N, C-alpha and C. Protein backbone atom coordinates (compact mmCIF):
# COMPACT_ATOMS: atom_id res chain seq x y z
N MET A 1 90.17 102.87 102.25
CA MET A 1 91.06 102.53 103.25
C MET A 1 91.51 103.64 104.12
N ASP A 2 91.57 103.47 105.47
CA ASP A 2 91.88 104.66 106.16
C ASP A 2 93.22 104.16 106.57
N THR A 3 94.04 105.14 106.18
CA THR A 3 95.70 104.99 106.56
C THR A 3 96.09 104.92 108.12
N THR A 4 96.86 104.25 108.42
CA THR A 4 97.72 104.64 109.50
C THR A 4 98.65 105.63 109.75
N TYR A 5 98.73 106.53 110.52
CA TYR A 5 99.77 107.37 110.08
C TYR A 5 100.88 107.30 111.00
N ALA A 6 101.61 106.35 110.91
CA ALA A 6 102.65 105.50 111.79
C ALA A 6 103.83 105.37 110.46
N TRP A 7 104.89 105.69 110.98
CA TRP A 7 106.02 105.63 110.05
C TRP A 7 107.45 105.54 110.69
N VAL A 8 108.24 105.01 110.08
CA VAL A 8 109.65 104.93 110.71
C VAL A 8 110.53 106.30 110.13
N ALA A 9 111.16 106.70 111.49
CA ALA A 9 111.91 107.80 111.01
C ALA A 9 113.26 107.76 110.37
N ALA A 10 113.58 108.48 109.30
CA ALA A 10 114.34 108.11 108.24
C ALA A 10 115.93 108.48 109.03
N ALA A 11 115.92 109.56 109.91
CA ALA A 11 117.01 109.83 110.76
C ALA A 11 117.34 108.70 111.86
N HIS A 12 116.23 107.99 112.35
CA HIS A 12 116.80 107.00 113.40
C HIS A 12 116.02 105.65 112.88
N PRO A 13 116.22 104.69 112.13
CA PRO A 13 115.49 103.89 111.62
C PRO A 13 114.75 103.02 112.64
N ARG A 14 115.33 102.97 113.88
CA ARG A 14 114.48 102.41 115.12
C ARG A 14 113.34 102.95 115.57
N SER A 15 113.34 104.33 115.31
CA SER A 15 112.32 105.05 115.80
C SER A 15 110.95 105.17 114.94
N VAL A 16 109.73 105.31 115.80
CA VAL A 16 108.52 105.23 115.20
C VAL A 16 107.73 106.62 115.64
N VAL A 17 107.17 107.13 114.48
CA VAL A 17 106.23 108.38 114.72
C VAL A 17 104.85 107.97 114.39
N VAL A 18 104.02 108.51 115.39
CA VAL A 18 102.52 108.19 114.98
C VAL A 18 101.89 109.70 115.16
N ASP A 19 100.96 109.77 114.63
CA ASP A 19 100.31 110.86 114.48
C ASP A 19 98.79 110.59 115.18
N VAL A 20 98.78 110.53 116.64
CA VAL A 20 98.09 110.20 117.47
C VAL A 20 96.55 110.89 117.20
N ASP A 21 96.61 112.03 117.19
CA ASP A 21 95.15 112.71 116.83
C ASP A 21 94.53 112.01 115.71
N HIS A 22 95.15 111.67 114.71
CA HIS A 22 94.46 111.12 113.40
C HIS A 22 94.17 109.50 114.05
N GLU A 23 94.75 108.88 114.85
CA GLU A 23 94.67 107.60 115.24
C GLU A 23 93.30 107.67 116.16
N LEU A 24 93.23 108.75 116.88
CA LEU A 24 91.97 108.74 117.94
C LEU A 24 90.75 109.09 116.83
N ASP A 25 90.87 109.85 115.75
CA ASP A 25 89.82 109.91 114.89
C ASP A 25 89.51 108.84 114.45
N TYR A 26 90.42 107.90 114.02
CA TYR A 26 90.04 106.67 113.55
C TYR A 26 89.42 105.86 114.41
N TRP A 27 89.84 105.74 115.81
CA TRP A 27 89.02 104.81 116.64
C TRP A 27 87.89 105.43 117.00
N ALA A 28 87.70 106.72 116.93
CA ALA A 28 86.45 107.25 117.35
C ALA A 28 85.07 106.72 116.28
N GLN A 29 85.54 106.62 115.21
CA GLN A 29 84.53 105.77 114.33
C GLN A 29 84.41 104.23 114.39
N ARG A 30 85.46 103.63 114.98
CA ARG A 30 85.82 102.35 114.75
C ARG A 30 85.54 101.42 116.07
N LEU A 31 85.61 102.23 117.10
CA LEU A 31 85.38 101.32 118.49
C LEU A 31 84.07 100.64 118.60
N PRO A 32 83.05 101.15 118.14
CA PRO A 32 82.14 100.37 118.34
C PRO A 32 81.98 98.87 117.80
N ALA A 33 82.62 98.81 116.55
CA ALA A 33 82.97 97.49 115.91
C ALA A 33 83.96 96.54 116.54
N LEU A 34 84.74 97.31 117.74
CA LEU A 34 85.95 96.36 118.28
C LEU A 34 85.06 95.17 119.21
N THR A 35 85.68 94.23 119.16
CA THR A 35 85.25 92.75 119.83
C THR A 35 85.48 93.42 121.34
N GLY A 36 84.53 93.12 122.20
CA GLY A 36 84.20 93.73 123.48
C GLY A 36 83.83 95.02 123.87
N TYR A 37 83.61 95.91 123.00
CA TYR A 37 83.48 97.19 122.99
C TYR A 37 81.93 97.38 123.73
N ARG A 38 81.85 98.21 124.82
CA ARG A 38 80.66 98.19 125.71
C ARG A 38 80.11 99.72 125.56
N THR A 39 79.10 99.89 124.98
CA THR A 39 78.46 101.35 124.89
C THR A 39 77.98 101.88 126.38
N ALA A 40 78.29 100.91 127.34
CA ALA A 40 77.83 101.71 128.59
C ALA A 40 78.98 102.26 129.19
N LEU A 41 80.14 102.13 128.84
CA LEU A 41 81.39 102.47 129.39
C LEU A 41 81.58 103.82 128.75
N PRO A 42 82.05 105.05 129.40
CA PRO A 42 82.22 106.33 128.80
C PRO A 42 83.41 106.40 127.79
N ARG A 43 83.12 106.97 126.75
CA ARG A 43 83.83 107.12 125.69
C ARG A 43 85.34 107.80 126.17
N ASP A 44 85.36 108.65 127.26
CA ASP A 44 86.49 109.28 127.53
C ASP A 44 87.59 108.17 128.29
N HIS A 45 86.74 107.00 128.66
CA HIS A 45 87.66 105.89 129.36
C HIS A 45 88.71 105.29 128.33
N TYR A 46 87.74 105.15 126.95
CA TYR A 46 88.37 104.48 126.12
C TYR A 46 89.51 105.30 125.61
N THR A 47 89.08 106.64 125.27
CA THR A 47 90.27 107.58 124.90
C THR A 47 91.47 107.35 125.54
N ALA A 48 91.30 107.38 126.98
CA ALA A 48 92.51 107.34 127.88
C ALA A 48 93.19 105.99 127.59
N THR A 49 92.60 105.09 127.31
CA THR A 49 93.24 103.56 127.33
C THR A 49 93.97 103.57 125.92
N LEU A 50 93.45 104.24 124.82
CA LEU A 50 93.89 104.50 123.67
C LEU A 50 95.32 105.28 123.71
N ARG A 51 95.01 106.13 124.48
CA ARG A 51 96.65 107.09 124.60
C ARG A 51 97.57 106.23 125.29
N PHE A 52 97.20 105.50 126.41
CA PHE A 52 98.26 104.61 126.88
C PHE A 52 98.68 103.50 125.93
N ALA A 53 97.65 102.84 124.91
CA ALA A 53 98.44 101.92 124.31
C ALA A 53 99.18 102.63 123.23
N TYR A 54 99.04 103.86 122.69
CA TYR A 54 99.86 104.34 121.73
C TYR A 54 101.24 105.02 122.32
N ASP A 55 101.28 105.41 123.52
CA ASP A 55 102.30 105.57 124.37
C ASP A 55 103.25 104.08 124.58
N SER A 56 102.46 103.13 125.14
CA SER A 56 103.06 102.00 125.27
C SER A 56 103.66 101.47 123.83
N TYR A 57 103.04 101.54 122.87
CA TYR A 57 103.66 101.06 121.72
C TYR A 57 105.09 102.11 121.38
N LEU A 58 104.70 103.21 121.57
CA LEU A 58 105.98 103.94 121.12
C LEU A 58 107.00 103.70 122.01
N MET A 59 106.93 103.23 123.23
CA MET A 59 108.03 102.91 124.00
C MET A 59 108.62 101.53 123.41
N HIS A 60 107.88 100.73 122.77
CA HIS A 60 108.18 99.25 122.61
C HIS A 60 107.97 99.12 121.28
N PRO A 61 108.28 99.77 120.18
CA PRO A 61 107.61 99.53 118.66
C PRO A 61 108.21 98.31 118.27
N HIS A 62 109.13 97.70 118.59
CA HIS A 62 109.84 96.76 117.88
C HIS A 62 109.48 95.27 118.36
N ASP A 63 108.49 95.52 119.79
CA ASP A 63 108.18 94.33 120.42
C ASP A 63 106.69 93.50 120.03
N ALA A 64 106.44 92.30 120.04
CA ALA A 64 105.40 91.76 120.13
C ALA A 64 104.29 92.31 121.22
N VAL A 65 103.05 92.40 120.94
CA VAL A 65 102.17 92.67 122.03
C VAL A 65 102.04 91.80 123.13
N ASP A 66 102.10 90.30 122.52
CA ASP A 66 101.83 89.49 123.39
C ASP A 66 102.81 88.99 124.53
N GLU A 67 103.96 89.59 124.00
CA GLU A 67 105.46 89.49 124.98
C GLU A 67 105.14 90.48 125.93
N MET A 68 104.35 91.69 125.70
CA MET A 68 104.38 93.09 126.41
C MET A 68 103.45 92.88 127.24
N LEU A 69 102.30 92.04 126.96
CA LEU A 69 100.97 92.17 127.92
C LEU A 69 101.32 92.20 129.32
N PRO A 70 101.97 91.28 129.91
CA PRO A 70 102.07 91.21 131.37
C PRO A 70 102.67 92.39 131.71
N CYS A 71 103.87 93.14 131.20
CA CYS A 71 104.30 94.44 131.71
C CYS A 71 103.22 95.27 131.65
N LEU A 72 102.60 95.62 130.36
CA LEU A 72 101.62 96.57 130.01
C LEU A 72 100.34 96.72 131.24
N ARG A 73 100.07 95.33 131.46
CA ARG A 73 99.19 95.28 132.27
C ARG A 73 99.43 95.63 133.65
N ASP A 74 100.52 95.50 134.19
CA ASP A 74 101.22 95.71 135.44
C ASP A 74 101.14 97.50 135.33
N LYS A 75 101.50 98.06 134.19
CA LYS A 75 101.74 99.46 134.05
C LYS A 75 100.49 100.07 134.29
N TYR A 76 99.46 99.33 133.58
CA TYR A 76 98.04 99.91 133.38
C TYR A 76 97.15 99.74 134.69
N MET A 77 97.48 98.87 135.62
CA MET A 77 97.00 98.62 136.74
C MET A 77 97.37 99.77 137.78
N ARG A 78 98.69 100.44 137.47
CA ARG A 78 99.21 101.21 138.60
C ARG A 78 98.44 102.60 138.08
N ILE A 79 97.93 102.93 137.02
CA ILE A 79 97.65 104.26 136.80
C ILE A 79 96.25 104.46 137.77
N GLN A 80 96.41 105.38 138.19
CA GLN A 80 95.60 106.00 139.36
C GLN A 80 94.67 106.96 138.67
N SER A 81 93.38 106.55 138.15
CA SER A 81 92.48 107.33 137.41
C SER A 81 90.97 106.80 137.53
N ASN A 82 90.33 107.68 137.64
CA ASN A 82 88.70 106.87 137.42
C ASN A 82 88.38 107.20 136.24
N LYS A 83 89.45 107.51 135.18
CA LYS A 83 88.89 107.68 133.78
C LYS A 83 89.51 106.78 132.92
N ARG A 84 89.52 105.43 133.26
CA ARG A 84 90.23 104.19 132.69
C ARG A 84 89.32 103.01 132.64
N LEU A 85 89.57 102.46 131.79
CA LEU A 85 88.80 100.95 131.68
C LEU A 85 89.31 99.81 132.56
N GLU A 86 88.75 99.01 132.93
CA GLU A 86 89.16 97.81 133.85
C GLU A 86 90.25 96.96 132.61
N TRP A 87 90.93 96.40 133.11
CA TRP A 87 92.05 95.74 132.45
C TRP A 87 91.19 94.99 131.26
N GLN A 88 90.27 94.24 131.56
CA GLN A 88 89.67 93.06 130.92
C GLN A 88 89.00 93.85 129.81
N ASP A 89 88.76 95.07 129.81
CA ASP A 89 88.11 95.87 128.75
C ASP A 89 89.17 96.62 127.83
N ALA A 90 90.40 96.87 128.56
CA ALA A 90 91.41 97.48 128.11
C ALA A 90 92.18 96.83 127.13
N GLU A 91 92.53 95.54 127.48
CA GLU A 91 93.14 94.58 126.66
C GLU A 91 92.97 94.57 125.34
N PRO A 92 91.58 94.29 124.82
CA PRO A 92 91.42 94.46 123.46
C PRO A 92 92.01 95.68 122.57
N VAL A 93 91.71 96.83 123.42
CA VAL A 93 92.00 97.88 122.80
C VAL A 93 93.55 97.95 122.46
N VAL A 94 94.33 97.61 123.59
CA VAL A 94 95.73 97.75 123.66
C VAL A 94 95.89 96.80 122.24
N ARG A 95 95.48 95.75 122.36
CA ARG A 95 95.98 94.67 121.37
C ARG A 95 95.50 95.33 119.95
N ALA A 96 94.30 96.00 119.87
CA ALA A 96 93.99 96.22 118.41
C ALA A 96 94.94 97.31 118.12
N VAL A 97 95.29 98.27 118.79
CA VAL A 97 95.95 99.50 118.51
C VAL A 97 97.35 99.03 118.11
N TRP A 98 97.96 97.80 118.89
CA TRP A 98 99.56 97.38 118.39
C TRP A 98 99.11 96.79 117.09
N GLU A 99 98.10 95.96 116.96
CA GLU A 99 98.06 95.37 115.66
C GLU A 99 97.94 96.00 114.41
N ARG A 100 97.37 97.44 114.79
CA ARG A 100 96.86 98.28 113.70
C ARG A 100 98.51 98.98 113.14
N LEU A 101 99.12 99.31 114.26
CA LEU A 101 100.28 99.88 113.83
C LEU A 101 101.45 98.98 113.45
N LYS A 102 101.43 97.54 113.86
CA LYS A 102 102.18 96.62 113.24
C LYS A 102 101.90 96.19 111.79
N ASN A 103 100.64 96.20 111.50
CA ASN A 103 100.10 95.85 110.07
C ASN A 103 99.46 97.24 109.44
N PRO A 104 100.04 98.45 109.30
CA PRO A 104 99.31 99.41 108.94
C PRO A 104 98.37 99.38 107.56
N GLY A 105 98.77 98.43 106.68
CA GLY A 105 97.85 98.40 105.39
C GLY A 105 96.86 97.20 105.64
N MET A 106 96.72 96.61 107.15
CA MET A 106 95.66 95.67 107.10
C MET A 106 94.16 96.20 107.48
N ASN A 107 94.33 97.33 108.02
CA ASN A 107 93.05 97.92 108.61
C ASN A 107 92.55 98.85 107.90
């Protein structure tokens, strides 16, 4: 089992810490198995979307992804980059990241 490197900081119980480099390594091996993954899309586009998902989760670690998706979509769509996925490809990635962090023992 591959452990999620996310934990609640003891000094601030509402804070969450994530080892994003470890998480990116995790996804490097598992992205092809993700529903909706498209090999034709560049890997760095997925990496940028993963980073967005982790940043977003860290800003809202106690919120449910379903409640946050409209706001996340709007924020994602404002990113001016030619190295990001279209939202229809990004949404499953964002969901997967949040699900992994919300349920670290399930992945």
